[in-house]
Amino acid sequence: MEDELVTFHVIEPGSTGRPTLFEVSMIVELDTRTGLQDCDQESWQHVIGHAKNLVAQHLDRAEIEPA
């Protein structure tokens, strides 16, 4: 399964609204991983879009449940 793990960075507004660097690791299907390695734009749009949603969910939860 490790060969399906992809780690990359996205910059999104953080909890203060300032640009923040997030490291995202996700398991992707083999064909998506191959597309990423081949610089396929559709594959990258798919994983980056999913990552942005995950970051937004994380920030929403952090706002509701302060540390």
PDB file of N, CA and C in Angstrom:
ATOM      1  N   MET A   1       0.827  -1.191   0.000  1.00  0.00           N
ATOM      2  CA  MET A   1       0.000   0.000   0.000  1.00  0.00           C
ATOM      3  C   MET A   1       0.873   1.257   0.000  1.00  0.00           C
ATOM      4  N   GLU A   2       2.085   1.190   0.481  1.00  0.00           N
ATOM      5  CA  GLU A   2       2.935   2.370   0.548  1.00  0.00           C
ATOM      6  C   GLU A   2       3.183   2.975  -0.824  1.00  0.00           C
ATOM      7  N   ASP A   3       3.185   2.133  -1.857  1.00  0.00           N
ATOM      8  CA  ASP A   3       3.424   2.679  -3.187  1.00  0.00           C
ATOM      9  C   ASP A   3       2.243   3.518  -3.668  1.00  0.00           C
ATOM     10  N   GLU A   4       1.124   3.490  -2.967  1.00  0.00           N
ATOM     11  CA  GLU A   4      -0.040   4.283  -3.321  1.00  0.00           C
ATOM     12  C   GLU A   4      -0.137   5.564  -2.493  1.00  0.00           C
ATOM     13  N   LEU A   5       0.781   5.755  -1.546  1.00  0.00           N
ATOM     14  CA  LEU A   5       0.773   6.938  -0.694  1.00  0.00           C
ATOM     15  C   LEU A   5       1.460   8.088  -1.422  1.00  0.00           C
ATOM     16  N   VAL A   6       0.781   9.223  -1.462  1.00  0.00           N
ATOM     17  CA  VAL A   6       1.314  10.419  -2.111  1.00  0.00           C
ATOM     18  C   VAL A   6       1.341  11.535  -1.073  1.00  0.00           C
ATOM     19  N   THR A   7       2.457  12.231  -0.979  1.00  0.00           N
ATOM     20  CA  THR A   7       2.585  13.363  -0.076  1.00  0.00           C
ATOM     21  C   THR A   7       2.956  14.591  -0.897  1.00  0.00           C
ATOM     22  N   PHE A   8       2.231  15.687  -0.663  1.00  0.00           N
ATOM     23  CA  PHE A   8       2.489  16.928  -1.375  1.00  0.00           C
ATOM     24  C   PHE A   8       2.061  18.088  -0.497  1.00  0.00           C
ATOM     25  N   HIS A   9       2.319  19.294  -0.943  1.00  0.00           N
ATOM     26  CA  HIS A   9       2.012  20.499  -0.170  1.00  0.00           C
ATOM     27  C   HIS A   9       1.009  21.365  -0.922  1.00  0.00           C
ATOM     28  N   VAL A  10       0.119  21.978  -0.164  1.00  0.00           N
ATOM     29  CA  VAL A  10      -0.802  22.976  -0.714  1.00  0.00           C
ATOM     30  C   VAL A  10      -0.731  24.216   0.168  1.00  0.00           C
ATOM     31  N   ILE A  11      -0.926  25.350  -0.433  1.00  0.00           N
ATOM     32  CA  ILE A  11      -0.988  26.606   0.316  1.00  0.00           C
ATOM     33  C   ILE A  11      -2.436  27.077   0.295  1.00  0.00           C
ATOM     34  N   GLU A  12      -2.988  27.205   1.471  1.00  0.00           N
ATOM     35  CA  GLU A  12      -4.374  27.622   1.650  1.00  0.00           C
ATOM     36  C   GLU A  12      -4.423  28.638   2.780  1.00  0.00           C
ATOM     37  N   PRO A  13      -5.483  29.450   2.842  1.00  0.00           N
ATOM     38  CA  PRO A  13      -5.622  30.341   4.001  1.00  0.00           C
ATOM     39  C   PRO A  13      -5.716  29.502   5.277  1.00  0.00           C
ATOM     40  N   GLY A  14      -4.920  29.833   6.255  1.00  0.00           N
ATOM     41  CA  GLY A  14      -4.937  29.116   7.528  1.00  0.00           C
ATOM     42  C   GLY A  14      -5.982  29.672   8.465  1.00  0.00           C
ATOM     43  N   SER A  15      -5.857  29.351   9.742  1.00  0.00           N
ATOM     44  CA  SER A  15      -6.852  29.773  10.728  1.00  0.00           C
ATOM     45  C   SER A  15      -6.903  31.285  10.891  1.00  0.00           C
ATOM     46  N   THR A  16      -5.812  31.993  10.564  1.00  0.00           N
ATOM     47  CA  THR A  16      -5.808  33.452  10.662  1.00  0.00           C
ATOM     48  C   THR A  16      -6.127  34.108   9.319  1.00  0.00           C
ATOM     49  N   GLY A  17      -6.360  33.276   8.291  1.00  0.00           N
ATOM     50  CA  GLY A  17      -6.651  33.816   6.968  1.00  0.00           C
ATOM     51  C   GLY A  17      -5.409  34.080   6.141  1.00  0.00           C
ATOM     52  N   ARG A  18      -4.244  33.938   6.757  1.00  0.00           N
ATOM     53  CA  ARG A  18      -2.982  34.148   6.031  1.00  0.00           C
ATOM     54  C   ARG A  18      -2.607  32.886   5.278  1.00  0.00           C
ATOM     55  N   PRO A  19      -1.876  33.015   4.174  1.00  0.00           N
ATOM     56  CA  PRO A  19      -1.438  31.816   3.443  1.00  0.00           C
ATOM     57  C   PRO A  19      -0.635  30.885   4.364  1.00  0.00           C
ATOM     58  N   THR A  20      -0.994  29.616   4.341  1.00  0.00           N
ATOM     59  CA  THR A  20      -0.382  28.632   5.212  1.00  0.00           C
ATOM     60  C   THR A  20      -0.026  27.400   4.391  1.00  0.00           C
ATOM     61  N   LEU A  21       1.142  26.840   4.632  1.00  0.00           N
ATOM     62  CA  LEU A  21       1.586  25.643   3.933  1.00  0.00           C
ATOM     63  C   LEU A  21       1.092  24.414   4.690  1.00  0.00           C
ATOM     64  N   PHE A  22       0.362  23.551   4.004  1.00  0.00           N
ATOM     65  CA  PHE A  22      -0.134  22.305   4.586  1.00  0.00           C
ATOM     66  C   PHE A  22       0.520  21.137   3.862  1.00  0.00           C
ATOM     67  N   GLU A  23       0.985  20.156   4.616  1.00  0.00           N
ATOM     68  CA  GLU A  23       1.489  18.922   4.021  1.00  0.00           C
ATOM     69  C   GLU A  23       0.348  17.915   4.046  1.00  0.00           C
ATOM     70  N   VAL A  24       0.064  17.342   2.901  1.00  0.00           N
ATOM     71  CA  VAL A  24      -1.054  16.414   2.769  1.00  0.00           C
ATOM     72  C   VAL A  24      -0.518  15.072   2.295  1.00  0.00           C
ATOM     73  N   SER A  25      -0.901  14.009   2.978  1.00  0.00           N
ATOM     74  CA  SER A  25      -0.588  12.652   2.537  1.00  0.00           C
ATOM     75  C   SER A  25      -1.908  11.934   2.315  1.00  0.00           C
ATOM     76  N   MET A  26      -2.013  11.287   1.181  1.00  0.00           N
ATOM     77  CA  MET A  26      -3.236  10.536   0.915  1.00  0.00           C
ATOM     78  C   MET A  26      -2.918   9.296   0.094  1.00  0.00           C
ATOM     79  N   ILE A  27      -3.751   8.314   0.244  1.00  0.00           N
ATOM     80  CA  ILE A  27      -3.632   7.099  -0.540  1.00  0.00           C
ATOM     81  C   ILE A  27      -4.451   7.306  -1.803  1.00  0.00           C
ATOM     82  N   VAL A  28      -3.839   7.065  -2.935  1.00  0.00           N
ATOM     83  CA  VAL A  28      -4.530   7.229  -4.221  1.00  0.00           C
ATOM     84  C   VAL A  28      -4.484   5.920  -4.988  1.00  0.00           C
ATOM     85  N   GLU A  29      -5.401   5.792  -5.914  1.00  0.00           N
ATOM     86  CA  GLU A  29      -5.421   4.610  -6.763  1.00  0.00           C
ATOM     87  C   GLU A  29      -4.186   4.620  -7.651  1.00  0.00           C
ATOM     88  N   LEU A  30      -3.774   3.452  -8.066  1.00  0.00           N
ATOM     89  CA  LEU A  30      -2.553   3.305  -8.846  1.00  0.00           C
ATOM     90  C   LEU A  30      -2.580   4.134 -10.130  1.00  0.00           C
ATOM     91  N   ASP A  31      -3.729   4.171 -10.816  1.00  0.00           N
ATOM     92  CA  ASP A  31      -3.794   4.948 -12.060  1.00  0.00           C
ATOM     93  C   ASP A  31      -3.654   6.441 -11.794  1.00  0.00           C
ATOM     94  N   THR A  32      -4.168   6.912 -10.661  1.00  0.00           N
ATOM     95  CA  THR A  32      -4.004   8.321 -10.303  1.00  0.00           C
ATOM     96  C   THR A  32      -2.547   8.614  -9.988  1.00  0.00           C
ATOM     97  N   ARG A  33      -1.910   7.716  -9.243  1.00  0.00           N
ATOM     98  CA  ARG A  33      -0.489   7.907  -8.918  1.00  0.00           C
ATOM     99  C   ARG A  33       0.349   7.940 -10.196  1.00  0.00           C
ATOM    100  N   THR A  34       0.047   7.065 -11.124  1.00  0.00           N
ATOM    101  CA  THR A  34       0.759   7.062 -12.397  1.00  0.00           C
ATOM    102  C   THR A  34       0.535   8.377 -13.128  1.00  0.00           C
ATOM    103  N   GLY A  35      -0.697   8.880 -13.107  1.00  0.00           N
ATOM    104  CA  GLY A  35      -0.991  10.171 -13.724  1.00  0.00           C
ATOM    105  C   GLY A  35      -0.210  11.305 -13.090  1.00  0.00           C
ATOM    106  N   LEU A  36      -0.070  11.261 -11.765  1.00  0.00           N
ATOM    107  CA  LEU A  36       0.707  12.291 -11.068  1.00  0.00           C
ATOM    108  C   LEU A  36       2.170  12.240 -11.502  1.00  0.00           C
ATOM    109  N   GLN A  37       2.705  11.034 -11.580  1.00  0.00           N
ATOM    110  CA  GLN A  37       4.100  10.880 -11.997  1.00  0.00           C
ATOM    111  C   GLN A  37       4.310  11.339 -13.435  1.00  0.00           C
ATOM    112  N   ASP A  38       3.273  11.192 -14.267  1.00  0.00           N
ATOM    113  CA  ASP A  38       3.349  11.603 -15.677  1.00  0.00           C
ATOM    114  C   ASP A  38       2.943  13.062 -15.886  1.00  0.00           C
ATOM    115  N   CYS A  39       2.742  13.793 -14.767  1.00  0.00           N
ATOM    116  CA  CYS A  39       2.340  15.208 -14.797  1.00  0.00           C
ATOM    117  C   CYS A  39       0.998  15.413 -15.512  1.00  0.00           C
ATOM    118  N   ASP A  40       0.084  14.464 -15.335  1.00  0.00           N
ATOM    119  CA  ASP A  40      -1.247  14.573 -15.926  1.00  0.00           C
ATOM    120  C   ASP A  40      -2.055  15.621 -15.161  1.00  0.00           C
ATOM    121  N   GLN A  41      -2.487  16.645 -15.867  1.00  0.00           N
ATOM    122  CA  GLN A  41      -3.176  17.771 -15.234  1.00  0.00           C
ATOM    123  C   GLN A  41      -4.457  17.327 -14.523  1.00  0.00           C
ATOM    124  N   GLU A  42      -5.215  16.440 -15.115  1.00  0.00           N
ATOM    125  CA  GLU A  42      -6.470  15.985 -14.506  1.00  0.00           C
ATOM    126  C   GLU A  42      -6.209  15.249 -13.185  1.00  0.00           C
ATOM    127  N   SER A  43      -5.169  14.440 -13.149  1.00  0.00           N
ATOM    128  CA  SER A  43      -4.827  13.731 -11.907  1.00  0.00           C
ATOM    129  C   SER A  43      -4.447  14.711 -10.808  1.00  0.00           C
ATOM    130  N   TRP A  44      -3.626  15.695 -11.156  1.00  0.00           N
ATOM    131  CA  TRP A  44      -3.220  16.696 -10.161  1.00  0.00           C
ATOM    132  C   TRP A  44      -4.413  17.523  -9.696  1.00  0.00           C
ATOM    133  N   GLN A  45      -5.293  17.910 -10.596  1.00  0.00           N
ATOM    134  CA  GLN A  45      -6.479  18.676 -10.200  1.00  0.00           C
ATOM    135  C   GLN A  45      -7.334  17.866  -9.238  1.00  0.00           C
ATOM    136  N   HIS A  46      -7.438  16.561  -9.488  1.00  0.00           N
ATOM    137  CA  HIS A  46      -8.234  15.691  -8.624  1.00  0.00           C
ATOM    138  C   HIS A  46      -7.675  15.653  -7.199  1.00  0.00           C
ATOM    139  N   VAL A  47      -6.373  15.361  -7.057  1.00  0.00           N
ATOM    140  CA  VAL A  47      -5.814  15.232  -5.710  1.00  0.00           C
ATOM    141  C   VAL A  47      -5.706  16.587  -5.006  1.00  0.00           C
ATOM    142  N   ILE A  48      -5.386  17.638  -5.738  1.00  0.00           N
ATOM    143  CA  ILE A  48      -5.298  18.962  -5.102  1.00  0.00           C
ATOM    144  C   ILE A  48      -6.685  19.434  -4.658  1.00  0.00           C
ATOM    145  N   GLY A  49      -7.702  19.200  -5.476  1.00  0.00           N
ATOM    146  CA  GLY A  49      -9.067  19.557  -5.079  1.00  0.00           C
ATOM    147  C   GLY A  49      -9.486  18.814  -3.826  1.00  0.00           C
ATOM    148  N   HIS A  50      -9.163  17.537  -3.769  1.00  0.00           N
ATOM    149  CA  HIS A  50      -9.489  16.742  -2.581  1.00  0.00           C
ATOM    150  C   HIS A  50      -8.708  17.254  -1.365  1.00  0.00           C
ATOM    151  N   ALA A  51      -7.450  17.588  -1.564  1.00  0.00           N
ATOM    152  CA  ALA A  51      -6.625  18.108  -0.467  1.00  0.00           C
ATOM    153  C   ALA A  51      -7.186  19.429   0.064  1.00  0.00           C
ATOM    154  N   LYS A  52      -7.608  20.306  -0.832  1.00  0.00           N
ATOM    155  CA  LYS A  52      -8.180  21.584  -0.402  1.00  0.00           C
ATOM    156  C   LYS A  52      -9.430  21.362   0.445  1.00  0.00           C
ATOM    157  N   ASN A  53     -10.249  20.386   0.055  1.00  0.00           N
ATOM    158  CA  ASN A  53     -11.434  20.061   0.856  1.00  0.00           C
ATOM    159  C   ASN A  53     -11.043  19.525   2.229  1.00  0.00           C
ATOM    160  N   LEU A  54     -10.020  18.678   2.276  1.00  0.00           N
ATOM    161  CA  LEU A  54      -9.565  18.143   3.562  1.00  0.00           C
ATOM    162  C   LEU A  54      -9.032  19.247   4.471  1.00  0.00           C
ATOM    163  N   VAL A  55      -8.267  20.172   3.906  1.00  0.00           N
ATOM    164  CA  VAL A  55      -7.750  21.294   4.692  1.00  0.00           C
ATOM    165  C   VAL A  55      -8.905  22.137   5.223  1.00  0.00           C
ATOM    166  N   ALA A  56      -9.888  22.423   4.395  1.00  0.00           N
ATOM    167  CA  ALA A  56     -11.044  23.218   4.829  1.00  0.00           C
ATOM    168  C   ALA A  56     -11.792  22.511   5.958  1.00  0.00           C
ATOM    169  N   GLN A  57     -11.979  21.198   5.844  1.00  0.00           N
ATOM    170  CA  GLN A  57     -12.642  20.443   6.910  1.00  0.00           C
ATOM    171  C   GLN A  57     -11.830  20.500   8.201  1.00  0.00           C
ATOM    172  N   HIS A  58     -10.523  20.361   8.079  1.00  0.00           N
ATOM    173  CA  HIS A  58      -9.639  20.427   9.248  1.00  0.00           C
ATOM    174  C   HIS A  58      -9.773  21.780   9.944  1.00  0.00           C
ATOM    175  N   LEU A  59      -9.747  22.857   9.163  1.00  0.00           N
ATOM    176  CA  LEU A  59      -9.851  24.191   9.750  1.00  0.00           C
ATOM    177  C   LEU A  59     -11.220  24.425  10.377  1.00  0.00           C
ATOM    178  N   ASP A  60     -12.274  23.897   9.752  1.00  0.00           N
ATOM    179  CA  ASP A  60     -13.617  24.017  10.328  1.00  0.00           C
ATOM    180  C   ASP A  60     -13.690  23.307  11.671  1.00  0.00           C
ATOM    181  N   ARG A  61     -13.122  22.107  11.744  1.00  0.00           N
ATOM    182  CA  ARG A  61     -13.137  21.365  13.012  1.00  0.00           C
ATOM    183  C   ARG A  61     -12.303  22.077  14.067  1.00  0.00           C
ATOM    184  N   ALA A  62     -11.168  22.635  13.668  1.00  0.00           N
ATOM    185  CA  ALA A  62     -10.306  23.335  14.624  1.00  0.00           C
ATOM    186  C   ALA A  62     -10.993  24.582  15.169  1.00  0.00           C
ATOM    187  N   GLU A  63     -11.813  25.200  14.341  1.00  0.00           N
ATOM    188  CA  GLU A  63     -12.553  26.392  14.782  1.00  0.00           C
ATOM    189  C   GLU A  63     -13.622  26.014  15.790  1.00  0.00           C
ATOM    190  N   ILE A  64     -14.250  24.875  15.602  1.00  0.00           N
ATOM    191  CA  ILE A  64     -15.306  24.403  16.507  1.00  0.00           C
ATOM    192  C   ILE A  64     -14.706  23.858  17.791  1.00  0.00           C
ATOM    193  N   GLU A  65     -13.574  23.142  17.686  1.00  0.00           N
ATOM    194  CA  GLU A  65     -12.932  22.509  18.830  1.00  0.00           C
ATOM    195  C   GLU A  65     -11.566  23.151  19.083  1.00  0.00           C
ATOM    196  N   PRO A  66     -11.516  24.341  19.686  1.00  0.00           N
ATOM    197  CA  PRO A  66     -10.217  24.990  19.915  1.00  0.00           C
ATOM    198  C   PRO A  66      -9.309  24.135  20.777  1.00  0.00           C
ATOM    199  N   ALA A  67      -8.005  24.252  20.512  1.00  0.00           N
ATOM    200  CA  ALA A  67      -7.004  23.457  21.249  1.00  0.00           C
ATOM    201  C   ALA A  67      -6.842  23.927  22.649  1.00  0.00           C
TER     202      ALA A  67
END
